[in-house]
Amino acid sequence: MITEFAKAVRIPRQAILGKSRKREISDAREVCYLLLHESGLCYYTVGRICGRTHATVISGIKRVKQLLECGDKEITRIYEQTKHIKR
């Protein structure tokens, strides 16, 4: 699922799973957390897959949901472009 997500957003899989703090990469990474969680995985499992703690995953998902609610254009674009991807 992460490979397909990376292709859809045109960011290398290694960057999605890496430590980069560039906004475009971290936004995509956090949307990926949300999609993995929406596909039925628990926070702990999403964190293990992505090399993060469950707390990081929870924080990222919370941030993405808040930005989706307020209509952030970039987060909405990434989410709409990738929401069809399920594991």
PDB file of N, CA and C in Angstrom:
ATOM      1  N   MET A   1       0.821  -1.196   0.000  1.00  0.00           N
ATOM      2  CA  MET A   1       0.000   0.000   0.000  1.00  0.00           C
ATOM      3  C   MET A   1       0.863   1.257   0.000  1.00  0.00           C
ATOM      4  N   ILE A   2       1.962   1.242   0.745  1.00  0.00           N
ATOM      5  CA  ILE A   2       2.818   2.422   0.809  1.00  0.00           C
ATOM      6  C   ILE A   2       3.469   2.679  -0.544  1.00  0.00           C
ATOM      7  N   THR A   3       3.844   1.625  -1.255  1.00  0.00           N
ATOM      8  CA  THR A   3       4.450   1.783  -2.571  1.00  0.00           C
ATOM      9  C   THR A   3       3.465   2.427  -3.540  1.00  0.00           C
ATOM     10  N   GLU A   4       2.228   1.952  -3.525  1.00  0.00           N
ATOM     11  CA  GLU A   4       1.195   2.518  -4.392  1.00  0.00           C
ATOM     12  C   GLU A   4       0.911   3.976  -4.019  1.00  0.00           C
ATOM     13  N   PHE A   5       0.872   4.258  -2.715  1.00  0.00           N
ATOM     14  CA  PHE A   5       0.674   5.623  -2.232  1.00  0.00           C
ATOM     15  C   PHE A   5       1.803   6.522  -2.724  1.00  0.00           C
ATOM     16  N   ALA A   6       3.042   6.050  -2.595  1.00  0.00           N
ATOM     17  CA  ALA A   6       4.208   6.833  -3.009  1.00  0.00           C
ATOM     18  C   ALA A   6       4.161   7.155  -4.501  1.00  0.00           C
ATOM     19  N   LYS A   7       3.740   6.180  -5.303  1.00  0.00           N
ATOM     20  CA  LYS A   7       3.610   6.422  -6.745  1.00  0.00           C
ATOM     21  C   LYS A   7       2.541   7.468  -7.033  1.00  0.00           C
ATOM     22  N   ALA A   8       1.424   7.393  -6.311  1.00  0.00           N
ATOM     23  CA  ALA A   8       0.318   8.326  -6.536  1.00  0.00           C
ATOM     24  C   ALA A   8       0.703   9.769  -6.209  1.00  0.00           C
ATOM     25  N   VAL A   9       1.492   9.962  -5.150  1.00  0.00           N
ATOM     26  CA  VAL A   9       1.880  11.321  -4.759  1.00  0.00           C
ATOM     27  C   VAL A   9       3.223  11.736  -5.350  1.00  0.00           C
ATOM     28  N   ARG A  10       3.846  10.816  -6.091  1.00  0.00           N
ATOM     29  CA  ARG A  10       5.132  11.073  -6.753  1.00  0.00           C
ATOM     30  C   ARG A  10       6.234  11.489  -5.785  1.00  0.00           C
ATOM     31  N   ILE A  11       6.289  10.772  -4.680  1.00  0.00           N
ATOM     32  CA  ILE A  11       7.353  10.936  -3.692  1.00  0.00           C
ATOM     33  C   ILE A  11       7.921   9.538  -3.467  1.00  0.00           C
ATOM     34  N   PRO A  12       9.246   9.385  -3.508  1.00  0.00           N
ATOM     35  CA  PRO A  12       9.821   8.046  -3.329  1.00  0.00           C
ATOM     36  C   PRO A  12       9.401   7.399  -2.010  1.00  0.00           C
ATOM     37  N   ARG A  13       9.214   6.084  -2.052  1.00  0.00           N
ATOM     38  CA  ARG A  13       8.814   5.322  -0.879  1.00  0.00           C
ATOM     39  C   ARG A  13       9.784   5.549   0.279  1.00  0.00           C
ATOM     40  N   GLN A  14      11.080   5.622  -0.047  1.00  0.00           N
ATOM     41  CA  GLN A  14      12.093   5.834   0.984  1.00  0.00           C
ATOM     42  C   GLN A  14      11.897   7.176   1.679  1.00  0.00           C
ATOM     43  N   ALA A  15      11.442   8.175   0.942  1.00  0.00           N
ATOM     44  CA  ALA A  15      11.198   9.496   1.532  1.00  0.00           C
ATOM     45  C   ALA A  15       9.972   9.451   2.448  1.00  0.00           C
ATOM     46  N   ILE A  16       8.931   8.740   2.019  1.00  0.00           N
ATOM     47  CA  ILE A  16       7.726   8.609   2.850  1.00  0.00           C
ATOM     48  C   ILE A  16       8.089   7.949   4.182  1.00  0.00           C
ATOM     49  N   LEU A  17       8.930   6.927   4.130  1.00  0.00           N
ATOM     50  CA  LEU A  17       9.308   6.195   5.329  1.00  0.00           C
ATOM     51  C   LEU A  17      10.518   6.797   6.036  1.00  0.00           C
ATOM     52  N   GLY A  18      11.135   7.801   5.420  1.00  0.00           N
ATOM     53  CA  GLY A  18      12.340   8.406   5.976  1.00  0.00           C
ATOM     54  C   GLY A  18      12.066   9.431   7.054  1.00  0.00           C
ATOM     55  N   LYS A  19      13.076  10.228   7.344  1.00  0.00           N
ATOM     56  CA  LYS A  19      13.007  11.190   8.444  1.00  0.00           C
ATOM     57  C   LYS A  19      12.876  12.642   7.978  1.00  0.00           C
ATOM     58  N   SER A  20      12.725  12.859   6.680  1.00  0.00           N
ATOM     59  CA  SER A  20      12.659  14.226   6.159  1.00  0.00           C
ATOM     60  C   SER A  20      11.527  15.017   6.812  1.00  0.00           C
ATOM     61  N   ARG A  21      11.826  16.270   7.119  1.00  0.00           N
ATOM     62  CA  ARG A  21      10.821  17.144   7.712  1.00  0.00           C
ATOM     63  C   ARG A  21      10.310  18.184   6.721  1.00  0.00           C
ATOM     64  N   LYS A  22      10.654  18.015   5.436  1.00  0.00           N
ATOM     65  CA  LYS A  22      10.117  18.915   4.410  1.00  0.00           C
ATOM     66  C   LYS A  22       8.594  18.793   4.424  1.00  0.00           C
ATOM     67  N   ARG A  23       7.946  19.911   4.305  1.00  0.00           N
ATOM     68  CA  ARG A  23       6.486  19.928   4.437  1.00  0.00           C
ATOM     69  C   ARG A  23       5.785  18.999   3.458  1.00  0.00           C
ATOM     70  N   GLU A  24       6.180  19.030   2.186  1.00  0.00           N
ATOM     71  CA  GLU A  24       5.497  18.198   1.196  1.00  0.00           C
ATOM     72  C   GLU A  24       5.632  16.706   1.527  1.00  0.00           C
ATOM     73  N   ILE A  25       6.761  16.315   2.071  1.00  0.00           N
ATOM     74  CA  ILE A  25       6.978  14.912   2.414  1.00  0.00           C
ATOM     75  C   ILE A  25       6.257  14.556   3.716  1.00  0.00           C
ATOM     76  N   SER A  26       6.364  15.401   4.720  1.00  0.00           N
ATOM     77  CA  SER A  26       5.705  15.094   5.992  1.00  0.00           C
ATOM     78  C   SER A  26       4.183  15.119   5.856  1.00  0.00           C
ATOM     79  N   ASP A  27       3.640  16.009   5.021  1.00  0.00           N
ATOM     80  CA  ASP A  27       2.197  16.013   4.771  1.00  0.00           C
ATOM     81  C   ASP A  27       1.758  14.684   4.160  1.00  0.00           C
ATOM     82  N   ALA A  28       2.489  14.249   3.135  1.00  0.00           N
ATOM     83  CA  ALA A  28       2.156  12.985   2.478  1.00  0.00           C
ATOM     84  C   ALA A  28       2.290  11.822   3.458  1.00  0.00           C
ATOM     85  N   ARG A  29       3.330  11.827   4.272  1.00  0.00           N
ATOM     86  CA  ARG A  29       3.552  10.770   5.254  1.00  0.00           C
ATOM     87  C   ARG A  29       2.370  10.673   6.221  1.00  0.00           C
ATOM     88  N   GLU A  30       1.891  11.812   6.692  1.00  0.00           N
ATOM     89  CA  GLU A  30       0.796  11.807   7.655  1.00  0.00           C
ATOM     90  C   GLU A  30      -0.527  11.395   7.015  1.00  0.00           C
ATOM     91  N   VAL A  31      -0.742  11.746   5.760  1.00  0.00           N
ATOM     92  CA  VAL A  31      -1.935  11.259   5.054  1.00  0.00           C
ATOM     93  C   VAL A  31      -1.834   9.741   4.891  1.00  0.00           C
ATOM     94  N   CYS A  32      -0.642   9.250   4.653  1.00  0.00           N
ATOM     95  CA  CYS A  32      -0.427   7.807   4.557  1.00  0.00           C
ATOM     96  C   CYS A  32      -0.793   7.118   5.876  1.00  0.00           C
ATOM     97  N   TYR A  33      -0.404   7.718   7.006  1.00  0.00           N
ATOM     98  CA  TYR A  33      -0.804   7.175   8.313  1.00  0.00           C
ATOM     99  C   TYR A  33      -2.322   7.048   8.383  1.00  0.00           C
ATOM    100  N   LEU A  34      -3.020   8.110   7.976  1.00  0.00           N
ATOM    101  CA  LEU A  34      -4.482   8.124   8.042  1.00  0.00           C
ATOM    102  C   LEU A  34      -5.076   7.012   7.178  1.00  0.00           C
ATOM    103  N   LEU A  35      -4.575   6.863   5.970  1.00  0.00           N
ATOM    104  CA  LEU A  35      -5.107   5.833   5.075  1.00  0.00           C
ATOM    105  C   LEU A  35      -4.848   4.427   5.612  1.00  0.00           C
ATOM    106  N   LEU A  36      -3.668   4.216   6.168  1.00  0.00           N
ATOM    107  CA  LEU A  36      -3.380   2.911   6.764  1.00  0.00           C
ATOM    108  C   LEU A  36      -4.318   2.631   7.939  1.00  0.00           C
ATOM    109  N   HIS A  37      -4.547   3.656   8.749  1.00  0.00           N
ATOM    110  CA  HIS A  37      -5.452   3.492   9.901  1.00  0.00           C
ATOM    111  C   HIS A  37      -6.890   3.264   9.427  1.00  0.00           C
ATOM    112  N   GLU A  38      -7.318   3.995   8.410  1.00  0.00           N
ATOM    113  CA  GLU A  38      -8.675   3.824   7.872  1.00  0.00           C
ATOM    114  C   GLU A  38      -8.862   2.441   7.254  1.00  0.00           C
ATOM    115  N   SER A  39      -7.768   1.819   6.831  1.00  0.00           N
ATOM    116  CA  SER A  39      -7.888   0.485   6.232  1.00  0.00           C
ATOM    117  C   SER A  39      -7.989  -0.612   7.289  1.00  0.00           C
ATOM    118  N   GLY A  40      -7.976  -0.214   8.572  1.00  0.00           N
ATOM    119  CA  GLY A  40      -8.217  -1.177   9.636  1.00  0.00           C
ATOM    120  C   GLY A  40      -7.022  -1.480  10.525  1.00  0.00           C
ATOM    121  N   LEU A  41      -5.893  -0.858  10.264  1.00  0.00           N
ATOM    122  CA  LEU A  41      -4.719  -1.108  11.096  1.00  0.00           C
ATOM    123  C   LEU A  41      -4.751  -0.229  12.342  1.00  0.00           C
ATOM    124  N   CYS A  42      -4.276  -0.777  13.455  1.00  0.00           N
ATOM    125  CA  CYS A  42      -4.219   0.010  14.688  1.00  0.00           C
ATOM    126  C   CYS A  42      -3.016   0.962  14.628  1.00  0.00           C
ATOM    127  N   TYR A  43      -3.004   1.942  15.511  1.00  0.00           N
ATOM    128  CA  TYR A  43      -1.935   2.945  15.532  1.00  0.00           C
ATOM    129  C   TYR A  43      -0.564   2.294  15.697  1.00  0.00           C
ATOM    130  N   TYR A  44      -0.486   1.318  16.565  1.00  0.00           N
ATOM    131  CA  TYR A  44       0.781   0.637  16.824  1.00  0.00           C
ATOM    132  C   TYR A  44       1.313  -0.013  15.543  1.00  0.00           C
ATOM    133  N   THR A  45       0.445  -0.708  14.807  1.00  0.00           N
ATOM    134  CA  THR A  45       0.847  -1.391  13.583  1.00  0.00           C
ATOM    135  C   THR A  45       1.260  -0.397  12.507  1.00  0.00           C
ATOM    136  N   VAL A  46       0.519   0.684  12.372  1.00  0.00           N
ATOM    137  CA  VAL A  46       0.891   1.726  11.403  1.00  0.00           C
ATOM    138  C   VAL A  46       2.278   2.264  11.751  1.00  0.00           C
ATOM    139  N   GLY A  47       2.504   2.514  13.017  1.00  0.00           N
ATOM    140  CA  GLY A  47       3.808   3.010  13.451  1.00  0.00           C
ATOM    141  C   GLY A  47       4.923   2.026  13.161  1.00  0.00           C
ATOM    142  N   ARG A  48       4.672   0.763  13.404  1.00  0.00           N
ATOM    143  CA  ARG A  48       5.683  -0.271  13.152  1.00  0.00           C
ATOM    144  C   ARG A  48       6.008  -0.348  11.661  1.00  0.00           C
ATOM    145  N   ILE A  49       4.988  -0.288  10.815  1.00  0.00           N
ATOM    146  CA  ILE A  49       5.190  -0.341   9.364  1.00  0.00           C
ATOM    147  C   ILE A  49       5.999   0.868   8.888  1.00  0.00           C
ATOM    148  N   CYS A  50       5.720   2.028   9.460  1.00  0.00           N
ATOM    149  CA  CYS A  50       6.344   3.272   9.006  1.00  0.00           C
ATOM    150  C   CYS A  50       7.600   3.653   9.783  1.00  0.00           C
ATOM    151  N   GLY A  51       7.972   2.846  10.760  1.00  0.00           N
ATOM    152  CA  GLY A  51       9.168   3.139  11.533  1.00  0.00           C
ATOM    153  C   GLY A  51       9.000   4.294  12.506  1.00  0.00           C
ATOM    154  N   ARG A  52       7.793   4.425  13.052  1.00  0.00           N
ATOM    155  CA  ARG A  52       7.476   5.495  13.994  1.00  0.00           C
ATOM    156  C   ARG A  52       6.816   4.904  15.239  1.00  0.00           C
ATOM    157  N   THR A  53       6.650   5.736  16.258  1.00  0.00           N
ATOM    158  CA  THR A  53       5.914   5.296  17.441  1.00  0.00           C
ATOM    159  C   THR A  53       4.420   5.501  17.201  1.00  0.00           C
ATOM    160  N   HIS A  54       3.621   4.815  18.004  1.00  0.00           N
ATOM    161  CA  HIS A  54       2.165   4.984  17.859  1.00  0.00           C
ATOM    162  C   HIS A  54       1.769   6.425  18.184  1.00  0.00           C
ATOM    163  N   ALA A  55       2.498   7.080  19.082  1.00  0.00           N
ATOM    164  CA  ALA A  55       2.178   8.468  19.443  1.00  0.00           C
ATOM    165  C   ALA A  55       2.398   9.405  18.252  1.00  0.00           C
ATOM    166  N   THR A  56       3.438   9.159  17.483  1.00  0.00           N
ATOM    167  CA  THR A  56       3.695   9.964  16.286  1.00  0.00           C
ATOM    168  C   THR A  56       2.572   9.779  15.283  1.00  0.00           C
ATOM    169  N   VAL A  57       2.117   8.545  15.131  1.00  0.00           N
ATOM    170  CA  VAL A  57       1.027   8.244  14.202  1.00  0.00           C
ATOM    171  C   VAL A  57      -0.255   8.942  14.652  1.00  0.00           C
ATOM    172  N   ILE A  58      -0.584   8.850  15.931  1.00  0.00           N
ATOM    173  CA  ILE A  58      -1.792   9.504  16.452  1.00  0.00           C
ATOM    174  C   ILE A  58      -1.720  11.005  16.208  1.00  0.00           C
ATOM    175  N   SER A  59      -0.576  11.606  16.496  1.00  0.00           N
ATOM    176  CA  SER A  59      -0.396  13.039  16.309  1.00  0.00           C
ATOM    177  C   SER A  59      -0.543  13.430  14.840  1.00  0.00           C
ATOM    178  N   GLY A  60       0.042  12.651  13.955  1.00  0.00           N
ATOM    179  CA  GLY A  60      -0.048  12.936  12.521  1.00  0.00           C
ATOM    180  C   GLY A  60      -1.465  12.826  11.994  1.00  0.00           C
ATOM    181  N   ILE A  61      -2.174  11.789  12.421  1.00  0.00           N
ATOM    182  CA  ILE A  61      -3.559  11.601  11.979  1.00  0.00           C
ATOM    183  C   ILE A  61      -4.434  12.734  12.500  1.00  0.00           C
ATOM    184  N   LYS A  62      -4.235  13.124  13.738  1.00  0.00           N
ATOM    185  CA  LYS A  62      -5.002  14.232  14.319  1.00  0.00           C
ATOM    186  C   LYS A  62      -4.769  15.515  13.511  1.00  0.00           C
ATOM    187  N   ARG A  63      -3.505  15.775  13.161  1.00  0.00           N
ATOM    188  CA  ARG A  63      -3.166  16.969  12.389  1.00  0.00           C
ATOM    189  C   ARG A  63      -3.839  16.941  11.016  1.00  0.00           C
ATOM    190  N   VAL A  64      -3.782  15.798  10.338  1.00  0.00           N
ATOM    191  CA  VAL A  64      -4.388  15.675   9.005  1.00  0.00           C
ATOM    192  C   VAL A  64      -5.903  15.894   9.082  1.00  0.00           C
ATOM    193  N   LYS A  65      -6.542  15.291  10.069  1.00  0.00           N
ATOM    194  CA  LYS A  65      -7.995  15.453  10.208  1.00  0.00           C
ATOM    195  C   LYS A  65      -8.376  16.911  10.446  1.00  0.00           C
ATOM    196  N   GLN A  66      -7.600  17.602  11.284  1.00  0.00           N
ATOM    197  CA  GLN A  66      -7.869  19.017  11.537  1.00  0.00           C
ATOM    198  C   GLN A  66      -7.695  19.842  10.260  1.00  0.00           C
ATOM    199  N   LEU A  67      -6.653  19.555   9.501  1.00  0.00           N
ATOM    200  CA  LEU A  67      -6.420  20.304   8.265  1.00  0.00           C
ATOM    201  C   LEU A  67      -7.475  19.987   7.212  1.00  0.00           C
ATOM    202  N   LEU A  68      -7.954  18.746   7.171  1.00  0.00           N
ATOM    203  CA  LEU A  68      -9.038  18.411   6.247  1.00  0.00           C
ATOM    204  C   LEU A  68     -10.317  19.165   6.618  1.00  0.00           C
ATOM    205  N   GLU A  69     -10.596  19.252   7.920  1.00  0.00           N
ATOM    206  CA  GLU A  69     -11.791  19.959   8.387  1.00  0.00           C
ATOM    207  C   GLU A  69     -11.758  21.434   8.016  1.00  0.00           C
ATOM    208  N   CYS A  70     -10.590  22.056   8.114  1.00  0.00           N
ATOM    209  CA  CYS A  70     -10.515  23.489   7.818  1.00  0.00           C
ATOM    210  C   CYS A  70     -10.254  23.758   6.339  1.00  0.00           C
ATOM    211  N   GLY A  71     -10.136  22.705   5.529  1.00  0.00           N
ATOM    212  CA  GLY A  71     -10.045  22.873   4.091  1.00  0.00           C
ATOM    213  C   GLY A  71      -8.663  23.193   3.555  1.00  0.00           C
ATOM    214  N   ASP A  72      -7.609  22.753   4.234  1.00  0.00           N
ATOM    215  CA  ASP A  72      -6.251  22.960   3.727  1.00  0.00           C
ATOM    216  C   ASP A  72      -6.140  22.351   2.327  1.00  0.00           C
ATOM    217  N   LYS A  73      -5.724  23.152   1.363  1.00  0.00           N
ATOM    218  CA  LYS A  73      -5.724  22.716  -0.037  1.00  0.00           C
ATOM    219  C   LYS A  73      -4.760  21.577  -0.302  1.00  0.00           C
ATOM    220  N   GLU A  74      -3.560  21.638   0.235  1.00  0.00           N
ATOM    221  CA  GLU A  74      -2.556  20.615  -0.043  1.00  0.00           C
ATOM    222  C   GLU A  74      -2.929  19.270   0.578  1.00  0.00           C
ATOM    223  N   ILE A  75      -3.325  19.269   1.822  1.00  0.00           N
ATOM    224  CA  ILE A  75      -3.720  18.023   2.491  1.00  0.00           C
ATOM    225  C   ILE A  75      -4.950  17.433   1.803  1.00  0.00           C
ATOM    226  N   THR A  76      -5.917  18.276   1.458  1.00  0.00           N
ATOM    227  CA  THR A  76      -7.122  17.807   0.775  1.00  0.00           C
ATOM    228  C   THR A  76      -6.766  17.204  -0.574  1.00  0.00           C
ATOM    229  N   ARG A  77      -5.853  17.830  -1.305  1.00  0.00           N
ATOM    230  CA  ARG A  77      -5.433  17.317  -2.610  1.00  0.00           C
ATOM    231  C   ARG A  77      -4.789  15.939  -2.466  1.00  0.00           C
ATOM    232  N   ILE A  78      -3.883  15.808  -1.519  1.00  0.00           N
ATOM    233  CA  ILE A  78      -3.206  14.522  -1.313  1.00  0.00           C
ATOM    234  C   ILE A  78      -4.217  13.456  -0.906  1.00  0.00           C
ATOM    235  N   TYR A  79      -5.112  13.794   0.024  1.00  0.00           N
ATOM    236  CA  TYR A  79      -6.100  12.826   0.497  1.00  0.00           C
ATOM    237  C   TYR A  79      -7.040  12.392  -0.631  1.00  0.00           C
ATOM    238  N   GLU A  80      -7.561  13.354  -1.378  1.00  0.00           N
ATOM    239  CA  GLU A  80      -8.492  13.035  -2.466  1.00  0.00           C
ATOM    240  C   GLU A  80      -7.807  12.204  -3.552  1.00  0.00           C
ATOM    241  N   GLN A  81      -6.545  12.480  -3.780  1.00  0.00           N
ATOM    242  CA  GLN A  81      -5.768  11.776  -4.807  1.00  0.00           C
ATOM    243  C   GLN A  81      -5.464  10.331  -4.393  1.00  0.00           C
ATOM    244  N   THR A  82      -5.464  10.052  -3.103  1.00  0.00           N
ATOM    245  CA  THR A  82      -5.011   8.732  -2.639  1.00  0.00           C
ATOM    246  C   THR A  82      -6.030   7.954  -1.813  1.00  0.00           C
ATOM    247  N   LYS A  83      -7.190   8.511  -1.529  1.00  0.00           N
ATOM    248  CA  LYS A  83      -8.129   7.840  -0.612  1.00  0.00           C
ATOM    249  C   LYS A  83      -8.646   6.516  -1.153  1.00  0.00           C
ATOM    250  N   HIS A  84      -8.531   6.281  -2.440  1.00  0.00           N
ATOM    251  CA  HIS A  84      -8.985   5.019  -3.022  1.00  0.00           C
ATOM    252  C   HIS A  84      -8.015   3.869  -2.728  1.00  0.00           C
ATOM    253  N   ILE A  85      -6.803   4.191  -2.280  1.00  0.00           N
ATOM    254  CA  ILE A  85      -5.786   3.172  -2.017  1.00  0.00           C
ATOM    255  C   ILE A  85      -6.069   2.519  -0.669  1.00  0.00           C
ATOM    256  N   LYS A  86      -6.281   1.256  -0.693  1.00  0.00           N
ATOM    257  CA  LYS A  86      -6.484   0.484   0.542  1.00  0.00           C
ATOM    258  C   LYS A  86      -5.567  -0.714   0.490  1.00  0.00           C
ATOM    259  N   ARG A  87      -5.231  -1.231   1.658  1.00  0.00           N
ATOM    260  CA  ARG A  87      -4.299  -2.378   1.672  1.00  0.00           C
ATOM    261  C   ARG A  87      -4.956  -3.628   1.182  1.00  0.00           C
TER     262      ARG A  87
END
